[in-house]
């Protein structure tokens, strides 16, 4: 559902932007490195493992919404003005200690209520993207492509004398769509979408940032990123919705 509304809005923006006002042309960058970080909040994180026999519980209710810390590193490699690649490393770990409100059967272990419980949620991702610039104008630049998304997920609970965890490493293909709008010689707007859904689950990563180029090579940006998705398969039920307030620094050649 989130992809339908945002995707419609972005596509409308993309096609409406073609042929709009004229400013300096976008500059070609052979290489760029960006480091992004900031606080993250969780507004949904529902877990049931195993799917059929486990107890469903909320990590939001257990350890709270946050904020927690997060960062990611992105490297862009452009072959020419049309074709390029992107590599992203995005580790994410949320952990805290609280007490369960009721008995929880999780990953083969039974956890008691009203007992200090360490909860850990890992959702690190590593991505390799090919993207093609299908439109280059004086104001807007738009790219489309595909991403190989490698997820390294882990959910764990620990009480005194009890420990259980569920880990999952998998590869998922995602659709990539991104755009840059030049607002002035120094300011620009950046939009980034990666996502795909199926009957067994979905994954969406959407970001909007405002960037300021304070030199030919360096740029500062700030904005909002959201990650939403999860899986509903035989062994695992987990859906999360995360919100990031981000700031980044970018170097380009």
C-alpha atoms as a PDB file:
ATOM      1  CA  UNK A   1       0.000   0.000   0.000  1.00  0.00           C
ATOM      2  CA  UNK A   2       2.788   2.444   0.884  1.00  0.00           C
ATOM      3  CA  UNK A   3       4.488   1.749  -2.439  1.00  0.00           C
ATOM      4  CA  UNK A   4       1.290   2.358  -4.426  1.00  0.00           C
ATOM      5  CA  UNK A   5       0.714   5.865  -3.092  1.00  0.00           C
ATOM      6  CA  UNK A   6       4.343   6.984  -3.106  1.00  0.00           C
ATOM      7  CA  UNK A   7       5.067   5.374  -6.457  1.00  0.00           C
ATOM      8  CA  UNK A   8       2.126   7.161  -8.067  1.00  0.00           C
ATOM      9  CA  UNK A   9       3.230  10.501  -6.674  1.00  0.00           C
ATOM     10  CA  UNK A  10       6.831  10.045  -7.788  1.00  0.00           C
ATOM     11  CA  UNK A  11       5.962   8.972 -11.315  1.00  0.00           C
ATOM     12  CA  UNK A  12       3.652  11.954 -11.637  1.00  0.00           C
ATOM     13  CA  UNK A  13       6.437  14.237 -10.446  1.00  0.00           C
ATOM     14  CA  UNK A  14       8.906  12.655 -12.844  1.00  0.00           C
ATOM     15  CA  UNK A  15       6.848  13.114 -15.979  1.00  0.00           C
ATOM     16  CA  UNK A  16       5.571  16.549 -14.989  1.00  0.00           C
ATOM     17  CA  UNK A  17       9.119  17.714 -14.378  1.00  0.00           C
ATOM     18  CA  UNK A  18      10.275  16.971 -17.933  1.00  0.00           C
ATOM     19  CA  UNK A  19      10.475  20.181 -19.834  1.00  0.00           C
ATOM     20  CA  UNK A  20      10.248  22.465 -16.787  1.00  0.00           C
ATOM     21  CA  UNK A  21      12.359  25.566 -16.070  1.00  0.00           C
ATOM     22  CA  UNK A  22      15.994  25.861 -17.069  1.00  0.00           C
ATOM     23  CA  UNK A  23      19.031  26.126 -14.824  1.00  0.00           C
ATOM     24  CA  UNK A  24      22.580  24.830 -15.159  1.00  0.00           C
ATOM     25  CA  UNK A  25      22.853  21.286 -16.501  1.00  0.00           C
ATOM     26  CA  UNK A  26      23.529  18.414 -14.129  1.00  0.00           C
ATOM     27  CA  UNK A  27      27.220  17.617 -13.815  1.00  0.00           C
ATOM     28  CA  UNK A  28      28.586  14.164 -14.536  1.00  0.00           C
ATOM     29  CA  UNK A  29      30.189  12.454 -11.545  1.00  0.00           C
ATOM     30  CA  UNK A  30      32.499   9.500 -12.052  1.00  0.00           C
ATOM     31  CA  UNK A  31      32.555   8.516  -8.373  1.00  0.00           C
ATOM     32  CA  UNK A  32      30.808   9.568  -5.160  1.00  0.00           C
ATOM     33  CA  UNK A  33      30.979   8.432  -1.544  1.00  0.00           C
ATOM     34  CA  UNK A  34      28.248   9.326   0.961  1.00  0.00           C
ATOM     35  CA  UNK A  35      27.991   8.647   4.698  1.00  0.00           C
ATOM     36  CA  UNK A  36      24.529   9.014   6.228  1.00  0.00           C
ATOM     37  CA  UNK A  37      23.442   8.766   9.844  1.00  0.00           C
ATOM     38  CA  UNK A  38      20.868   9.799  12.390  1.00  0.00           C
ATOM     39  CA  UNK A  39      18.215   8.620  14.832  1.00  0.00           C
ATOM     40  CA  UNK A  40      15.695   5.914  13.944  1.00  0.00           C
ATOM     41  CA  UNK A  41      12.259   5.222  15.421  1.00  0.00           C
ATOM     42  CA  UNK A  42      10.158   2.081  15.042  1.00  0.00           C
ATOM     43  CA  UNK A  43       6.384   2.438  14.835  1.00  0.00           C
ATOM     44  CA  UNK A  44       5.745  -1.219  14.003  1.00  0.00           C
ATOM     45  CA  UNK A  45       7.763  -4.338  14.702  1.00  0.00           C
ATOM     46  CA  UNK A  46       5.506  -7.376  15.066  1.00  0.00           C
ATOM     47  CA  UNK A  47       7.070 -10.805  15.553  1.00  0.00           C
ATOM     48  CA  UNK A  48       5.731 -14.374  15.595  1.00  0.00           C
ATOM     49  CA  UNK A  49       8.300 -17.184  15.305  1.00  0.00           C
ATOM     50  CA  UNK A  50       7.431 -19.915  14.426  1.00  0.00           C
ATOM     51  CA  UNK A  51       4.628 -18.451  12.360  1.00  0.00           C
ATOM     52  CA  UNK A  52       2.046 -21.116  13.168  1.00  0.00           C
ATOM     53  CA  UNK A  53       2.829 -21.888  16.825  1.00  0.00           C
ATOM     54  CA  UNK A  54       4.731 -18.888  18.165  1.00  0.00           C
ATOM     55  CA  UNK A  55       3.318 -16.074  20.282  1.00  0.00           C
ATOM     56  CA  UNK A  56       2.906 -12.785  18.447  1.00  0.00           C
ATOM     57  CA  UNK A  57       4.443  -9.841  20.281  1.00  0.00           C
ATOM     58  CA  UNK A  58       5.518  -6.304  19.448  1.00  0.00           C
ATOM     59  CA  UNK A  59       9.079  -5.102  19.871  1.00  0.00           C
ATOM     60  CA  UNK A  60       7.648  -1.580  19.900  1.00  0.00           C
ATOM     61  CA  UNK A  61       5.528  -2.427  22.935  1.00  0.00           C
ATOM     62  CA  UNK A  62       8.422  -4.278  24.549  1.00  0.00           C
ATOM     63  CA  UNK A  63      11.345  -1.862  24.176  1.00  0.00           C
ATOM     64  CA  UNK A  64       9.696   1.304  22.860  1.00  0.00           C
ATOM     65  CA  UNK A  65       9.784   3.377  19.696  1.00  0.00           C
ATOM     66  CA  UNK A  66      13.270   4.792  20.231  1.00  0.00           C
ATOM     67  CA  UNK A  67      15.138   6.736  19.098  1.00  0.00           C
ATOM     68  CA  UNK A  68      18.078   4.479  18.310  1.00  0.00           C
ATOM     69  CA  UNK A  69      21.128   5.178  16.152  1.00  0.00           C
ATOM     70  CA  UNK A  70      21.739   4.115  12.563  1.00  0.00           C
ATOM     71  CA  UNK A  71      24.087   4.845   9.678  1.00  0.00           C
ATOM     72  CA  UNK A  72      24.772   3.750   6.109  1.00  0.00           C
ATOM     73  CA  UNK A  73      27.561   4.109   3.546  1.00  0.00           C
ATOM     74  CA  UNK A  74      26.890   4.517  -0.166  1.00  0.00           C
ATOM     75  CA  UNK A  75      29.364   4.465  -3.075  1.00  0.00           C
ATOM     76  CA  UNK A  76      28.402   5.402  -6.647  1.00  0.00           C
ATOM     77  CA  UNK A  77      30.412   4.305  -9.695  1.00  0.00           C
ATOM     78  CA  UNK A  78      29.300   5.762 -13.027  1.00  0.00           C
ATOM     79  CA  UNK A  79      30.595   4.257 -16.260  1.00  0.00           C
ATOM     80  CA  UNK A  80      29.309   7.158 -18.328  1.00  0.00           C
ATOM     81  CA  UNK A  81      26.458   9.666 -18.227  1.00  0.00           C
ATOM     82  CA  UNK A  82      23.832   6.924 -18.682  1.00  0.00           C
ATOM     83  CA  UNK A  83      25.044   3.785 -16.909  1.00  0.00           C
ATOM     84  CA  UNK A  84      26.208   3.389 -13.345  1.00  0.00           C
ATOM     85  CA  UNK A  85      26.380   1.208 -10.247  1.00  0.00           C
ATOM     86  CA  UNK A  86      25.765   1.787  -6.556  1.00  0.00           C
ATOM     87  CA  UNK A  87      26.930  -0.182  -3.514  1.00  0.00           C
ATOM     88  CA  UNK A  88      25.239   0.366  -0.132  1.00  0.00           C
ATOM     89  CA  UNK A  89      26.177  -0.935   3.317  1.00  0.00           C
ATOM     90  CA  UNK A  90      23.383  -0.291   5.822  1.00  0.00           C
ATOM     91  CA  UNK A  91      23.870  -1.977   9.214  1.00  0.00           C
ATOM     92  CA  UNK A  92      21.008  -1.592  11.681  1.00  0.00           C
ATOM     93  CA  UNK A  93      20.754  -2.829  15.255  1.00  0.00           C
ATOM     94  CA  UNK A  94      18.049  -2.024  17.795  1.00  0.00           C
ATOM     95  CA  UNK A  95      18.376  -3.442  21.307  1.00  0.00           C
ATOM     96  CA  UNK A  96      17.158  -2.674  24.812  1.00  0.00           C
ATOM     97  CA  UNK A  97      15.997  -4.328  28.027  1.00  0.00           C
ATOM     98  CA  UNK A  98      12.378  -4.431  29.238  1.00  0.00           C
ATOM     99  CA  UNK A  99       9.757  -6.873  30.545  1.00  0.00           C
ATOM    100  CA  UNK A 100       7.219  -8.875  28.587  1.00  0.00           C
ATOM    101  CA  UNK A 101       3.570  -8.318  29.494  1.00  0.00           C
ATOM    102  CA  UNK A 102       2.684 -11.974  28.971  1.00  0.00           C
ATOM    103  CA  UNK A 103       4.207 -15.384  28.336  1.00  0.00           C
ATOM    104  CA  UNK A 104       5.882 -15.553  24.921  1.00  0.00           C
ATOM    105  CA  UNK A 105       6.834 -18.699  23.023  1.00  0.00           C
ATOM    106  CA  UNK A 106       9.591 -17.617  20.626  1.00  0.00           C
ATOM    107  CA  UNK A 107      11.973 -19.695  18.487  1.00  0.00           C
ATOM    108  CA  UNK A 108      11.575 -22.823  20.612  1.00  0.00           C
ATOM    109  CA  UNK A 109      11.858 -21.149  24.029  1.00  0.00           C
ATOM    110  CA  UNK A 110       9.223 -19.907  26.492  1.00  0.00           C
ATOM    111  CA  UNK A 111       9.853 -16.488  28.037  1.00  0.00           C
ATOM    112  CA  UNK A 112       8.172 -15.350  31.235  1.00  0.00           C
ATOM    113  CA  UNK A 113       6.370 -12.045  31.855  1.00  0.00           C
ATOM    114  CA  UNK A 114       7.562  -9.401  34.323  1.00  0.00           C
ATOM    115  CA  UNK A 115      11.170 -10.545  34.023  1.00  0.00           C
ATOM    116  CA  UNK A 116      14.012  -8.364  32.611  1.00  0.00           C
ATOM    117  CA  UNK A 117      14.325  -9.368  28.959  1.00  0.00           C
ATOM    118  CA  UNK A 118      17.052  -8.344  26.526  1.00  0.00           C
ATOM    119  CA  UNK A 119      15.603  -7.844  23.044  1.00  0.00           C
ATOM    120  CA  UNK A 120      17.679  -7.458  19.877  1.00  0.00           C
ATOM    121  CA  UNK A 121      16.549  -6.623  16.358  1.00  0.00           C
ATOM    122  CA  UNK A 122      19.199  -6.713  13.621  1.00  0.00           C
ATOM    123  CA  UNK A 123      18.320  -5.830  10.061  1.00  0.00           C
ATOM    124  CA  UNK A 124      21.504  -5.116   8.164  1.00  0.00           C
ATOM    125  CA  UNK A 125      21.425  -4.863   4.390  1.00  0.00           C
ATOM    126  CA  UNK A 126      24.015  -4.896   1.634  1.00  0.00           C
ATOM    127  CA  UNK A 127      22.942  -3.763  -1.819  1.00  0.00           C
ATOM    128  CA  UNK A 128      24.331  -3.725  -5.340  1.00  0.00           C
ATOM    129  CA  UNK A 129      22.420  -1.611  -7.844  1.00  0.00           C
ATOM    130  CA  UNK A 130      22.632  -1.083 -11.580  1.00  0.00           C
ATOM    131  CA  UNK A 131      20.816   2.032 -12.733  1.00  0.00           C
ATOM    132  CA  UNK A 132      20.193   3.749 -16.034  1.00  0.00           C
ATOM    133  CA  UNK A 133      19.604   7.483 -16.439  1.00  0.00           C
ATOM    134  CA  UNK A 134      16.553   7.595 -18.687  1.00  0.00           C
ATOM    135  CA  UNK A 135      16.089  11.364 -18.525  1.00  0.00           C
ATOM    136  CA  UNK A 136      18.603  14.184 -18.200  1.00  0.00           C
ATOM    137  CA  UNK A 137      17.302  17.722 -18.378  1.00  0.00           C
ATOM    138  CA  UNK A 138      18.433  21.131 -17.286  1.00  0.00           C
ATOM    139  CA  UNK A 139      16.590  20.836 -13.981  1.00  0.00           C
ATOM    140  CA  UNK A 140      15.784  17.144 -13.402  1.00  0.00           C
ATOM    141  CA  UNK A 141      17.655  13.877 -13.696  1.00  0.00           C
ATOM    142  CA  UNK A 142      15.881  10.499 -13.340  1.00  0.00           C
ATOM    143  CA  UNK A 143      17.254   6.961 -13.074  1.00  0.00           C
ATOM    144  CA  UNK A 144      15.712   3.507 -13.046  1.00  0.00           C
ATOM    145  CA  UNK A 145      17.304   0.126 -12.382  1.00  0.00           C
ATOM    146  CA  UNK A 146      17.473  -2.990 -10.281  1.00  0.00           C
ATOM    147  CA  UNK A 147      18.986  -3.815  -6.898  1.00  0.00           C
ATOM    148  CA  UNK A 148      20.314  -7.063  -5.476  1.00  0.00           C
ATOM    149  CA  UNK A 149      19.330  -6.741  -1.823  1.00  0.00           C
ATOM    150  CA  UNK A 150      21.151  -9.000   0.664  1.00  0.00           C
ATOM    151  CA  UNK A 151      19.497  -8.944   4.079  1.00  0.00           C
ATOM    152  CA  UNK A 152      21.105 -10.196   7.275  1.00  0.00           C
ATOM    153  CA  UNK A 153      18.291 -10.317   9.834  1.00  0.00           C
ATOM    154  CA  UNK A 154      18.286 -11.467  13.454  1.00  0.00           C
ATOM    155  CA  UNK A 155      15.744 -11.299  16.285  1.00  0.00           C
ATOM    156  CA  UNK A 156      16.772 -12.471  19.757  1.00  0.00           C
ATOM    157  CA  UNK A 157      15.345 -12.605  23.277  1.00  0.00           C
ATOM    158  CA  UNK A 158      17.305 -13.310  26.437  1.00  0.00           C
ATOM    159  CA  UNK A 159      16.280 -13.819  30.059  1.00  0.00           C
ATOM    160  CA  UNK A 160      18.348 -15.229  32.901  1.00  0.00           C
ATOM    161  CA  UNK A 161      19.008 -18.823  31.896  1.00  0.00           C
ATOM    162  CA  UNK A 162      17.041 -18.528  28.631  1.00  0.00           C
ATOM    163  CA  UNK A 163      18.039 -17.481  25.139  1.00  0.00           C
ATOM    164  CA  UNK A 164      16.500 -17.869  21.692  1.00  0.00           C
ATOM    165  CA  UNK A 165      17.135 -16.248  18.342  1.00  0.00           C
ATOM    166  CA  UNK A 166      16.043 -16.450  14.741  1.00  0.00           C
ATOM    167  CA  UNK A 167      18.468 -15.535  11.966  1.00  0.00           C
ATOM    168  CA  UNK A 168      17.846 -15.164   8.268  1.00  0.00           C
ATOM    169  CA  UNK A 169      20.205 -14.322   5.421  1.00  0.00           C
ATOM    170  CA  UNK A 170      18.545 -13.953   2.053  1.00  0.00           C
ATOM    171  CA  UNK A 171      18.770 -12.269  -1.340  1.00  0.00           C
ATOM    172  CA  UNK A 172      15.856 -10.264  -2.709  1.00  0.00           C
ATOM    173  CA  UNK A 173      15.600  -8.328  -6.006  1.00  0.00           C
ATOM    174  CA  UNK A 174      14.264  -4.782  -5.741  1.00  0.00           C
ATOM    175  CA  UNK A 175      13.204  -2.114  -8.218  1.00  0.00           C
ATOM    176  CA  UNK A 176      15.253   1.079  -8.070  1.00  0.00           C
ATOM    177  CA  UNK A 177      13.972   4.543  -8.987  1.00  0.00           C
ATOM    178  CA  UNK A 178      15.662   7.840  -8.135  1.00  0.00           C
ATOM    179  CA  UNK A 179      15.636  11.475  -9.105  1.00  0.00           C
ATOM    180  CA  UNK A 180      17.560  14.682  -8.511  1.00  0.00           C
ATOM    181  CA  UNK A 181      16.088  18.135  -8.960  1.00  0.00           C
ATOM    182  CA  UNK A 182      18.384  21.163  -9.102  1.00  0.00           C
ATOM    183  CA  UNK A 183      16.801  23.995  -7.134  1.00  0.00           C
ATOM    184  CA  UNK A 184      19.674  26.454  -7.582  1.00  0.00           C
ATOM    185  CA  UNK A 185      23.420  26.413  -8.200  1.00  0.00           C
ATOM    186  CA  UNK A 186      23.978  24.966  -4.709  1.00  0.00           C
ATOM    187  CA  UNK A 187      20.682  23.456  -3.551  1.00  0.00           C
ATOM    188  CA  UNK A 188      19.110  20.264  -4.877  1.00  0.00           C
ATOM    189  CA  UNK A 189      16.349  17.837  -3.980  1.00  0.00           C
ATOM    190  CA  UNK A 190      17.034  14.078  -3.980  1.00  0.00           C
ATOM    191  CA  UNK A 191      14.514  11.251  -4.030  1.00  0.00           C
ATOM    192  CA  UNK A 192      15.353   7.558  -3.776  1.00  0.00           C
ATOM    193  CA  UNK A 193      13.054   4.513  -3.929  1.00  0.00           C
ATOM    194  CA  UNK A 194      13.860   0.804  -3.735  1.00  0.00           C
ATOM    195  CA  UNK A 195      11.194  -1.805  -3.201  1.00  0.00           C
ATOM    196  CA  UNK A 196       9.192  -4.817  -4.261  1.00  0.00           C
ATOM    197  CA  UNK A 197       6.297  -6.798  -2.841  1.00  0.00           C
ATOM    198  CA  UNK A 198       4.836 -10.283  -3.120  1.00  0.00           C
ATOM    199  CA  UNK A 199       2.287 -12.473  -1.362  1.00  0.00           C
ATOM    200  CA  UNK A 200       5.008 -13.656   1.056  1.00  0.00           C
ATOM    201  CA  UNK A 201       6.328 -10.253   2.023  1.00  0.00           C
ATOM    202  CA  UNK A 202       7.656  -6.910   0.902  1.00  0.00           C
ATOM    203  CA  UNK A 203      10.577  -4.510   1.310  1.00  0.00           C
ATOM    204  CA  UNK A 204      10.575  -0.749   0.711  1.00  0.00           C
ATOM    205  CA  UNK A 205      13.278   1.849   1.345  1.00  0.00           C
ATOM    206  CA  UNK A 206      12.254   5.414   0.490  1.00  0.00           C
ATOM    207  CA  UNK A 207      14.183   8.628   1.129  1.00  0.00           C
ATOM    208  CA  UNK A 208      13.782  12.340   0.399  1.00  0.00           C
ATOM    209  CA  UNK A 209      16.647  14.746   1.148  1.00  0.00           C
ATOM    210  CA  UNK A 210      17.625  18.361   0.580  1.00  0.00           C
ATOM    211  CA  UNK A 211      21.277  18.849  -0.284  1.00  0.00           C
ATOM    212  CA  UNK A 212      23.581  21.869  -0.234  1.00  0.00           C
ATOM    213  CA  UNK A 213      26.818  21.814  -2.253  1.00  0.00           C
ATOM    214  CA  UNK A 214      29.273  24.019  -0.424  1.00  0.00           C
ATOM    215  CA  UNK A 215      32.100  23.222  -2.892  1.00  0.00           C
ATOM    216  CA  UNK A 216      32.610  21.430  -6.202  1.00  0.00           C
ATOM    217  CA  UNK A 217      33.318  18.161  -4.372  1.00  0.00           C
ATOM    218  CA  UNK A 218      31.462  18.285  -1.053  1.00  0.00           C
ATOM    219  CA  UNK A 219      27.765  18.282  -0.208  1.00  0.00           C
ATOM    220  CA  UNK A 220      25.747  18.239   2.996  1.00  0.00           C
ATOM    221  CA  UNK A 221      22.183  16.902   3.033  1.00  0.00           C
ATOM    222  CA  UNK A 222      19.371  16.261   5.476  1.00  0.00           C
ATOM    223  CA  UNK A 223      15.963  14.644   5.186  1.00  0.00           C
ATOM    224  CA  UNK A 224      13.777  11.645   5.934  1.00  0.00           C
ATOM    225  CA  UNK A 225      14.106   7.932   5.197  1.00  0.00           C
ATOM    226  CA  UNK A 226      11.601   5.162   5.862  1.00  0.00           C
ATOM    227  CA  UNK A 227      11.994   1.384   5.655  1.00  0.00           C
ATOM    228  CA  UNK A 228       8.885  -0.789   5.703  1.00  0.00           C
ATOM    229  CA  UNK A 229       8.343  -4.470   5.076  1.00  0.00           C
ATOM    230  CA  UNK A 230       8.703  -7.984   6.345  1.00  0.00           C
ATOM    231  CA  UNK A 231       7.883 -11.619   5.687  1.00  0.00           C
ATOM    232  CA  UNK A 232       4.924 -13.902   6.278  1.00  0.00           C
ATOM    233  CA  UNK A 233       6.264 -17.375   5.488  1.00  0.00           C
ATOM    234  CA  UNK A 234       6.088 -20.832   7.028  1.00  0.00           C
ATOM    235  CA  UNK A 235       8.662 -20.256   9.759  1.00  0.00           C
ATOM    236  CA  UNK A 236       8.641 -16.487  10.268  1.00  0.00           C
ATOM    237  CA  UNK A 237       6.183 -13.643  10.663  1.00  0.00           C
ATOM    238  CA  UNK A 238       7.823 -10.251  11.098  1.00  0.00           C
ATOM    239  CA  UNK A 239       6.781  -6.840   9.789  1.00  0.00           C
ATOM    240  CA  UNK A 240       8.475  -3.582  10.754  1.00  0.00           C
ATOM    241  CA  UNK A 241       8.164   0.092   9.896  1.00  0.00           C
ATOM    242  CA  UNK A 242      11.179   2.295  10.652  1.00  0.00           C
ATOM    243  CA  UNK A 243      11.600   6.069  10.357  1.00  0.00           C
ATOM    244  CA  UNK A 244      14.950   7.868  10.076  1.00  0.00           C
ATOM    245  CA  UNK A 245      15.858  11.543  10.471  1.00  0.00           C
ATOM    246  CA  UNK A 246      19.055  11.629   8.445  1.00  0.00           C
ATOM    247  CA  UNK A 247      22.013  13.870   7.751  1.00  0.00           C
ATOM    248  CA  UNK A 248      24.758  13.002   5.290  1.00  0.00           C
ATOM    249  CA  UNK A 249      28.047  14.210   3.855  1.00  0.00           C
ATOM    250  CA  UNK A 250      28.970  13.393   0.258  1.00  0.00           C
ATOM    251  CA  UNK A 251      32.238  13.583  -1.670  1.00  0.00           C
ATOM    252  CA  UNK A 252      32.294  13.310  -5.459  1.00  0.00           C
ATOM    253  CA  UNK A 253      34.780  13.279  -8.319  1.00  0.00           C
END
